[in-house]
Amino acid sequence: MESLLDNAPHILVVDDDQRIRDLLARYLYENGFRVSTAVDAASARASMRGLAFDVVILDISMPGESGLDLARDLKSISNIPICMLTARAEAEDRILGLEAGVDDYVAKPFEPRELLLRLQNILKRGKEPSGPRDEITMGDFTFHVARGELKRGEESIKLTERERDLLRQFAQRPGTPIARHELAADESTGTERAIDVQINRLRRKIESDPANPVYLQTVRGKGYILYTD
């Protein structure tokens, strides 16, 4: 289920319990969020290919890959906020969740209003301003902003001037969607149609699988987003 509020935060609910998925989707939609749902880790990964989410609500116990394993993997490649939602309330399980990198933890049964407040706090923390960065890293790649230099380990990766300018724009706002018209506003990066071509070329340089990007993703209706480590 997904709402039509294009500018609202987009939440991905991952839970094998259809009743929980439907309850959360309806409640969060009514409170101004866009919501997508997934029944397990595999369908969650499919949803995240080519789309960016603001927060993932993740059940710990699911068939196949567990929520903990999915959380560890997501946190190893991005800084997407994760709220763990689970029937396991023991301290050890909460610690395992925090060690996996989750941002918050809510035990079932839960009060929807409490979960809503926790999501709002997670989103508020994500909007806290941070200072400019001299470098950004994306897996094995490092981009030095001032020098406009992209490296994979010690190997220098050749960039065109337009690719360099795009990376500088993304480096100023990592983890934040940037519209095509904003990326094209700089004369050096060209038209909006040209932006799509340049993004695809840049993905071939920084993504192991450009068709399923991990770092430089498309945000439907918003433009592009660059996730950094």
C-alpha atoms as a PDB file:
ATOM      1  CA  MET A   1       0.000   0.000   0.000  1.00  0.00           C
ATOM      2  CA  GLU A   2       1.394   3.398  -0.921  1.00  0.00           C
ATOM      3  CA  SER A   3      -0.089   6.821  -0.445  1.00  0.00           C
ATOM      4  CA  LEU A   4      -0.167   9.593  -3.023  1.00  0.00           C
ATOM      5  CA  LEU A   5       1.477  12.286  -0.863  1.00  0.00           C
ATOM      6  CA  ASP A   6       4.557  12.876  -2.988  1.00  0.00           C
ATOM      7  CA  ASN A   7       6.342  15.068  -0.456  1.00  0.00           C
ATOM      8  CA  ALA A   8       5.579  12.954   2.608  1.00  0.00           C
ATOM      9  CA  PRO A   9       8.206  10.681   4.230  1.00  0.00           C
ATOM     10  CA  HIS A  10       8.144   7.223   2.687  1.00  0.00           C
ATOM     11  CA  ILE A  11       8.061   4.296   5.135  1.00  0.00           C
ATOM     12  CA  LEU A  12       8.756   0.656   4.260  1.00  0.00           C
ATOM     13  CA  VAL A  13       7.015  -1.801   6.607  1.00  0.00           C
ATOM     14  CA  VAL A  14       8.567  -5.291   6.524  1.00  0.00           C
ATOM     15  CA  ASP A  15       6.556  -7.918   8.442  1.00  0.00           C
ATOM     16  CA  ASP A  16       5.273 -11.390   7.593  1.00  0.00           C
ATOM     17  CA  ASP A  17       2.062 -10.729   9.565  1.00  0.00           C
ATOM     18  CA  GLN A  18      -0.485  -9.297   7.131  1.00  0.00           C
ATOM     19  CA  ARG A  19      -2.602  -7.909   9.968  1.00  0.00           C
ATOM     20  CA  ILE A  20       0.355  -5.860  11.261  1.00  0.00           C
ATOM     21  CA  ARG A  21       1.261  -4.689   7.751  1.00  0.00           C
ATOM     22  CA  ASP A  22      -2.281  -3.558   7.022  1.00  0.00           C
ATOM     23  CA  LEU A  23      -2.700  -1.884  10.420  1.00  0.00           C
ATOM     24  CA  LEU A  24       0.549   0.075  10.121  1.00  0.00           C
ATOM     25  CA  ALA A  25      -0.018   0.992   6.475  1.00  0.00           C
ATOM     26  CA  ARG A  26      -3.460   2.385   7.256  1.00  0.00           C
ATOM     27  CA  TYR A  27      -2.413   4.181  10.460  1.00  0.00           C
ATOM     28  CA  LEU A  28       0.725   5.762   9.012  1.00  0.00           C
ATOM     29  CA  TYR A  29      -1.101   6.779   5.836  1.00  0.00           C
ATOM     30  CA  GLU A  30      -3.761   8.484   7.958  1.00  0.00           C
ATOM     31  CA  ASN A  31      -0.976  10.353   9.755  1.00  0.00           C
ATOM     32  CA  GLY A  32       0.582  11.774   6.608  1.00  0.00           C
ATOM     33  CA  PHE A  33       3.127   9.161   5.530  1.00  0.00           C
ATOM     34  CA  ARG A  34       3.596   7.338   2.257  1.00  0.00           C
ATOM     35  CA  VAL A  35       3.741   3.617   3.009  1.00  0.00           C
ATOM     36  CA  SER A  36       4.952   0.547   1.152  1.00  0.00           C
ATOM     37  CA  THR A  37       4.885  -2.959   2.619  1.00  0.00           C
ATOM     38  CA  ALA A  38       6.926  -6.137   2.198  1.00  0.00           C
ATOM     39  CA  VAL A  39       6.263  -9.646   3.485  1.00  0.00           C
ATOM     40  CA  ASP A  40       9.904 -10.687   3.921  1.00  0.00           C
ATOM     41  CA  ALA A  41      13.513  -9.619   3.365  1.00  0.00           C
ATOM     42  CA  ALA A  42      13.495 -10.661  -0.299  1.00  0.00           C
ATOM     43  CA  SER A  43      10.447  -8.552  -1.141  1.00  0.00           C
ATOM     44  CA  ALA A  44      11.896  -5.683   0.921  1.00  0.00           C
ATOM     45  CA  ARG A  45      15.062  -5.761  -1.183  1.00  0.00           C
ATOM     46  CA  ALA A  46      12.955  -5.773  -4.349  1.00  0.00           C
ATOM     47  CA  SER A  47      11.066  -2.698  -3.117  1.00  0.00           C
ATOM     48  CA  MET A  48      14.309  -0.878  -2.346  1.00  0.00           C
ATOM     49  CA  ARG A  49      15.799  -1.378  -5.806  1.00  0.00           C
ATOM     50  CA  GLY A  50      15.529   1.961  -7.558  1.00  0.00           C
ATOM     51  CA  LEU A  51      13.465   3.512  -4.725  1.00  0.00           C
ATOM     52  CA  ALA A  52      14.556   5.350  -1.594  1.00  0.00           C
ATOM     53  CA  PHE A  53      12.783   5.138   1.756  1.00  0.00           C
ATOM     54  CA  ASP A  54      13.056   7.495   4.713  1.00  0.00           C
ATOM     55  CA  VAL A  55      12.635   4.788   7.388  1.00  0.00           C
ATOM     56  CA  VAL A  56      12.321   1.002   7.445  1.00  0.00           C
ATOM     57  CA  ILE A  57      10.077  -0.627  10.079  1.00  0.00           C
ATOM     58  CA  LEU A  58      11.447  -4.146  10.325  1.00  0.00           C
ATOM     59  CA  ASP A  59      10.177  -7.294  12.047  1.00  0.00           C
ATOM     60  CA  ILE A  60      12.900  -9.441  13.596  1.00  0.00           C
ATOM     61  CA  SER A  61      11.323 -12.883  13.020  1.00  0.00           C
ATOM     62  CA  MET A  62      10.471 -13.647   9.407  1.00  0.00           C
ATOM     63  CA  PRO A  63      10.684 -16.722   7.171  1.00  0.00           C
ATOM     64  CA  GLY A  64      13.970 -16.914   5.309  1.00  0.00           C
ATOM     65  CA  GLU A  65      16.404 -14.104   6.029  1.00  0.00           C
ATOM     66  CA  SER A  66      15.792 -12.675   9.511  1.00  0.00           C
ATOM     67  CA  GLY A  67      15.170  -9.024  10.234  1.00  0.00           C
ATOM     68  CA  LEU A  68      18.466  -8.841  12.114  1.00  0.00           C
ATOM     69  CA  ASP A  69      20.398 -10.136   9.121  1.00  0.00           C
ATOM     70  CA  LEU A  70      18.611  -7.712   6.797  1.00  0.00           C
ATOM     71  CA  ALA A  71      19.283  -4.821   9.194  1.00  0.00           C
ATOM     72  CA  ARG A  72      23.003  -5.656   9.363  1.00  0.00           C
ATOM     73  CA  ASP A  73      23.219  -5.802   5.578  1.00  0.00           C
ATOM     74  CA  LEU A  74      21.319  -2.548   5.033  1.00  0.00           C
ATOM     75  CA  LYS A  75      23.438  -0.718   7.599  1.00  0.00           C
ATOM     76  CA  SER A  76      26.635  -2.007   5.963  1.00  0.00           C
ATOM     77  CA  ILE A  77      25.769  -0.261   2.686  1.00  0.00           C
ATOM     78  CA  SER A  78      23.645   2.762   3.701  1.00  0.00           C
ATOM     79  CA  ASN A  79      22.608   4.990   6.579  1.00  0.00           C
ATOM     80  CA  ILE A  80      18.867   4.386   6.191  1.00  0.00           C
ATOM     81  CA  PRO A  81      17.104   4.576   9.598  1.00  0.00           C
ATOM     82  CA  ILE A  82      15.637   1.300  10.875  1.00  0.00           C
ATOM     83  CA  CYS A  83      13.017   0.828  13.579  1.00  0.00           C
ATOM     84  CA  MET A  84      12.863  -2.779  14.775  1.00  0.00           C
ATOM     85  CA  LEU A  85       9.342  -4.002  15.515  1.00  0.00           C
ATOM     86  CA  THR A  86       9.172  -7.424  17.155  1.00  0.00           C
ATOM     87  CA  ALA A  87       7.485  -9.680  19.667  1.00  0.00           C
ATOM     88  CA  ARG A  88      10.861 -10.384  21.242  1.00  0.00           C
ATOM     89  CA  ALA A  89      11.116  -8.045  24.213  1.00  0.00           C
ATOM     90  CA  GLU A  90      14.049  -9.662  26.025  1.00  0.00           C
ATOM     91  CA  ALA A  91      17.039  -7.440  26.746  1.00  0.00           C
ATOM     92  CA  GLU A  92      19.363  -9.726  24.773  1.00  0.00           C
ATOM     93  CA  ASP A  93      17.253  -9.373  21.647  1.00  0.00           C
ATOM     94  CA  ARG A  94      17.138  -5.591  22.031  1.00  0.00           C
ATOM     95  CA  ILE A  95      20.924  -5.547  22.352  1.00  0.00           C
ATOM     96  CA  LEU A  96      21.311  -7.691  19.226  1.00  0.00           C
ATOM     97  CA  GLY A  97      19.097  -5.253  17.362  1.00  0.00           C
ATOM     98  CA  LEU A  98      21.102  -2.242  18.503  1.00  0.00           C
ATOM     99  CA  GLU A  99      24.356  -4.020  17.660  1.00  0.00           C
ATOM    100  CA  ALA A 100      22.980  -4.606  14.160  1.00  0.00           C
ATOM    101  CA  GLY A 101      22.726  -0.819  13.846  1.00  0.00           C
ATOM    102  CA  VAL A 102      18.978  -0.282  14.220  1.00  0.00           C
ATOM    103  CA  ASP A 103      17.980   3.214  15.316  1.00  0.00           C
ATOM    104  CA  ASP A 104      15.084   2.285  17.587  1.00  0.00           C
ATOM    105  CA  TYR A 105      13.282  -0.755  18.958  1.00  0.00           C
ATOM    106  CA  VAL A 106       9.571  -1.274  19.685  1.00  0.00           C
ATOM    107  CA  ALA A 107       8.216  -4.515  21.155  1.00  0.00           C
ATOM    108  CA  LYS A 108       4.869  -6.072  20.172  1.00  0.00           C
ATOM    109  CA  PRO A 109       2.145  -5.528  21.246  1.00  0.00           C
ATOM    110  CA  PHE A 110       2.682  -1.824  20.686  1.00  0.00           C
ATOM    111  CA  GLU A 111       0.707   1.372  20.847  1.00  0.00           C
ATOM    112  CA  PRO A 112       0.539   2.897  17.327  1.00  0.00           C
ATOM    113  CA  ARG A 113       0.833   6.415  18.764  1.00  0.00           C
ATOM    114  CA  GLU A 114       4.132   5.482  20.449  1.00  0.00           C
ATOM    115  CA  LEU A 115       5.492   4.076  17.192  1.00  0.00           C
ATOM    116  CA  LEU A 116       4.426   7.257  15.388  1.00  0.00           C
ATOM    117  CA  LEU A 117       6.315   9.412  17.904  1.00  0.00           C
ATOM    118  CA  ARG A 118       9.398   7.239  17.563  1.00  0.00           C
ATOM    119  CA  LEU A 119       9.284   7.541  13.777  1.00  0.00           C
ATOM    120  CA  GLN A 120       8.961  11.319  14.042  1.00  0.00           C
ATOM    121  CA  ASN A 121      12.008  11.412  16.340  1.00  0.00           C
ATOM    122  CA  ILE A 122      14.013   9.271  13.907  1.00  0.00           C
ATOM    123  CA  LEU A 123      13.117  11.578  11.034  1.00  0.00           C
ATOM    124  CA  LYS A 124      13.929  14.658  13.109  1.00  0.00           C
ATOM    125  CA  ARG A 125      17.392  13.281  13.933  1.00  0.00           C
ATOM    126  CA  GLY A 126      17.972  12.628  10.246  1.00  0.00           C
ATOM    127  CA  LYS A 127      17.309  16.286   9.427  1.00  0.00           C
ATOM    128  CA  GLU A 128      19.805  17.675  11.928  1.00  0.00           C
ATOM    129  CA  PRO A 129      22.329  19.793  10.011  1.00  0.00           C
ATOM    130  CA  SER A 130      25.861  18.570   9.572  1.00  0.00           C
ATOM    131  CA  GLY A 131      28.942  20.432   8.446  1.00  0.00           C
ATOM    132  CA  PRO A 132      30.378  20.205   4.940  1.00  0.00           C
ATOM    133  CA  ARG A 133      32.462  17.113   4.258  1.00  0.00           C
ATOM    134  CA  ASP A 134      35.860  17.088   2.608  1.00  0.00           C
ATOM    135  CA  GLU A 135      35.354  13.506   1.430  1.00  0.00           C
ATOM    136  CA  ILE A 136      32.501  11.083   0.890  1.00  0.00           C
ATOM    137  CA  THR A 137      32.825   7.317   0.697  1.00  0.00           C
ATOM    138  CA  MET A 138      30.680   4.823  -1.189  1.00  0.00           C
ATOM    139  CA  GLY A 139      31.903   1.311  -0.478  1.00  0.00           C
ATOM    140  CA  ASP A 140      35.372   1.030  -2.016  1.00  0.00           C
ATOM    141  CA  PHE A 141      35.135   4.503  -3.555  1.00  0.00           C
ATOM    142  CA  THR A 142      36.216   7.835  -2.061  1.00  0.00           C
ATOM    143  CA  PHE A 143      35.438  11.213  -3.593  1.00  0.00           C
ATOM    144  CA  HIS A 144      37.494  14.233  -2.504  1.00  0.00           C
ATOM    145  CA  VAL A 145      35.153  17.178  -2.916  1.00  0.00           C
ATOM    146  CA  ALA A 146      37.635  20.036  -3.282  1.00  0.00           C
ATOM    147  CA  ARG A 147      39.943  18.174  -5.659  1.00  0.00           C
ATOM    148  CA  GLY A 148      37.075  16.547  -7.547  1.00  0.00           C
ATOM    149  CA  GLU A 149      38.981  13.270  -7.363  1.00  0.00           C
ATOM    150  CA  LEU A 150      37.346   9.840  -7.299  1.00  0.00           C
ATOM    151  CA  LYS A 151      39.422   6.873  -6.137  1.00  0.00           C
ATOM    152  CA  ARG A 152      38.880   3.180  -5.646  1.00  0.00           C
ATOM    153  CA  GLY A 153      41.533   2.386  -3.086  1.00  0.00           C
ATOM    154  CA  GLU A 154      44.674   3.856  -4.622  1.00  0.00           C
ATOM    155  CA  GLU A 155      43.301   3.730  -8.164  1.00  0.00           C
ATOM    156  CA  SER A 156      42.118   7.038  -9.639  1.00  0.00           C
ATOM    157  CA  ILE A 157      38.847   6.834 -11.556  1.00  0.00           C
ATOM    158  CA  LYS A 158      38.549   9.184 -14.499  1.00  0.00           C
ATOM    159  CA  LEU A 159      35.592  11.580 -14.296  1.00  0.00           C
ATOM    160  CA  THR A 160      34.196  13.995 -16.834  1.00  0.00           C
ATOM    161  CA  GLU A 161      33.624  17.567 -15.664  1.00  0.00           C
ATOM    162  CA  ARG A 162      29.881  16.957 -15.588  1.00  0.00           C
ATOM    163  CA  GLU A 163      30.267  13.789 -13.489  1.00  0.00           C
ATOM    164  CA  ARG A 164      32.565  15.676 -11.111  1.00  0.00           C
ATOM    165  CA  ASP A 165      30.039  18.487 -10.727  1.00  0.00           C
ATOM    166  CA  LEU A 166      27.233  16.011 -10.057  1.00  0.00           C
ATOM    167  CA  LEU A 167      29.215  14.288  -7.315  1.00  0.00           C
ATOM    168  CA  ARG A 168      29.962  17.670  -5.733  1.00  0.00           C
ATOM    169  CA  GLN A 169      26.242  18.491  -5.698  1.00  0.00           C
ATOM    170  CA  PHE A 170      25.404  15.147  -4.103  1.00  0.00           C
ATOM    171  CA  ALA A 171      28.253  15.538  -1.589  1.00  0.00           C
ATOM    172  CA  GLN A 172      26.653  18.741  -0.311  1.00  0.00           C
ATOM    173  CA  ARG A 173      23.410  16.888   0.467  1.00  0.00           C
ATOM    174  CA  PRO A 174      24.174  13.180   1.060  1.00  0.00           C
ATOM    175  CA  GLY A 175      21.139  11.070   1.841  1.00  0.00           C
ATOM    176  CA  THR A 176      18.793  13.784   0.534  1.00  0.00           C
ATOM    177  CA  PRO A 177      16.841  13.528  -2.744  1.00  0.00           C
ATOM    178  CA  ILE A 178      17.802  16.165  -5.320  1.00  0.00           C
ATOM    179  CA  ALA A 179      15.406  16.977  -8.149  1.00  0.00           C
ATOM    180  CA  ARG A 180      16.538  16.747 -11.750  1.00  0.00           C
ATOM    181  CA  HIS A 181      15.859  20.441 -12.323  1.00  0.00           C
ATOM    182  CA  GLU A 182      18.177  21.297  -9.410  1.00  0.00           C
ATOM    183  CA  LEU A 183      20.932  19.087 -10.782  1.00  0.00           C
ATOM    184  CA  ALA A 184      20.429  20.670 -14.201  1.00  0.00           C
ATOM    185  CA  ALA A 185      20.403  24.225 -12.800  1.00  0.00           C
ATOM    186  CA  ASP A 186      24.194  24.286 -12.964  1.00  0.00           C
ATOM    187  CA  GLU A 187      25.023  25.011 -16.603  1.00  0.00           C
ATOM    188  CA  SER A 188      27.877  22.529 -16.471  1.00  0.00           C
ATOM    189  CA  THR A 189      25.528  19.590 -15.871  1.00  0.00           C
ATOM    190  CA  GLY A 190      23.145  20.330 -18.740  1.00  0.00           C
ATOM    191  CA  THR A 191      19.450  19.635 -19.299  1.00  0.00           C
ATOM    192  CA  GLU A 192      17.224  17.355 -17.225  1.00  0.00           C
ATOM    193  CA  ARG A 193      17.303  14.725 -19.978  1.00  0.00           C
ATOM    194  CA  ALA A 194      21.098  14.924 -20.023  1.00  0.00           C
ATOM    195  CA  ILE A 195      21.120  14.414 -16.245  1.00  0.00           C
ATOM    196  CA  ASP A 196      19.592  10.939 -16.661  1.00  0.00           C
ATOM    197  CA  VAL A 197      22.326   9.989 -19.122  1.00  0.00           C
ATOM    198  CA  GLN A 198      25.064  11.323 -16.819  1.00  0.00           C
ATOM    199  CA  ILE A 199      23.601   9.523 -13.817  1.00  0.00           C
ATOM    200  CA  ASN A 200      23.672   6.225 -15.724  1.00  0.00           C
ATOM    201  CA  ARG A 201      27.315   6.814 -16.716  1.00  0.00           C
ATOM    202  CA  LEU A 202      28.234   7.710 -13.141  1.00  0.00           C
ATOM    203  CA  ARG A 203      26.545   4.569 -11.834  1.00  0.00           C
ATOM    204  CA  ARG A 204      28.736   2.475 -14.133  1.00  0.00           C
ATOM    205  CA  LYS A 205      31.743   3.937 -12.341  1.00  0.00           C
ATOM    206  CA  ILE A 206      30.642   3.641  -8.691  1.00  0.00           C
ATOM    207  CA  GLU A 207      28.147   0.750  -8.635  1.00  0.00           C
ATOM    208  CA  SER A 208      29.003  -2.953  -8.801  1.00  0.00           C
ATOM    209  CA  ASP A 209      25.605  -3.533 -10.440  1.00  0.00           C
ATOM    210  CA  PRO A 210      24.481  -0.302 -12.168  1.00  0.00           C
ATOM    211  CA  ALA A 211      21.078  -1.819 -12.966  1.00  0.00           C
ATOM    212  CA  ASN A 212      20.433  -2.269  -9.227  1.00  0.00           C
ATOM    213  CA  PRO A 213      22.217   0.715  -7.650  1.00  0.00           C
ATOM    214  CA  VAL A 214      23.078   0.704  -3.963  1.00  0.00           C
ATOM    215  CA  TYR A 215      24.486   4.219  -3.581  1.00  0.00           C
ATOM    216  CA  LEU A 216      23.145   6.402  -6.395  1.00  0.00           C
ATOM    217  CA  GLN A 217      19.421   5.675  -6.405  1.00  0.00           C
ATOM    218  CA  THR A 218      16.344   7.002  -8.157  1.00  0.00           C
ATOM    219  CA  VAL A 219      13.631   8.521  -5.972  1.00  0.00           C
ATOM    220  CA  ARG A 220      10.405   8.290  -7.905  1.00  0.00           C
ATOM    221  CA  GLY A 221       8.891  11.724  -8.382  1.00  0.00           C
ATOM    222  CA  LYS A 222      11.792  13.468  -6.641  1.00  0.00           C
ATOM    223  CA  GLY A 223      14.984  12.880  -8.627  1.00  0.00           C
ATOM    224  CA  TYR A 224      18.120  11.187  -7.349  1.00  0.00           C
ATOM    225  CA  ILE A 225      19.745  10.488  -3.988  1.00  0.00           C
ATOM    226  CA  LEU A 226      23.311   9.536  -3.088  1.00  0.00           C
ATOM    227  CA  TYR A 227      23.807   7.343  -0.024  1.00  0.00           C
ATOM    228  CA  THR A 228      27.258   7.518   1.551  1.00  0.00           C
ATOM    229  CA  ASP A 229      28.993   5.410   4.213  1.00  0.00           C
END
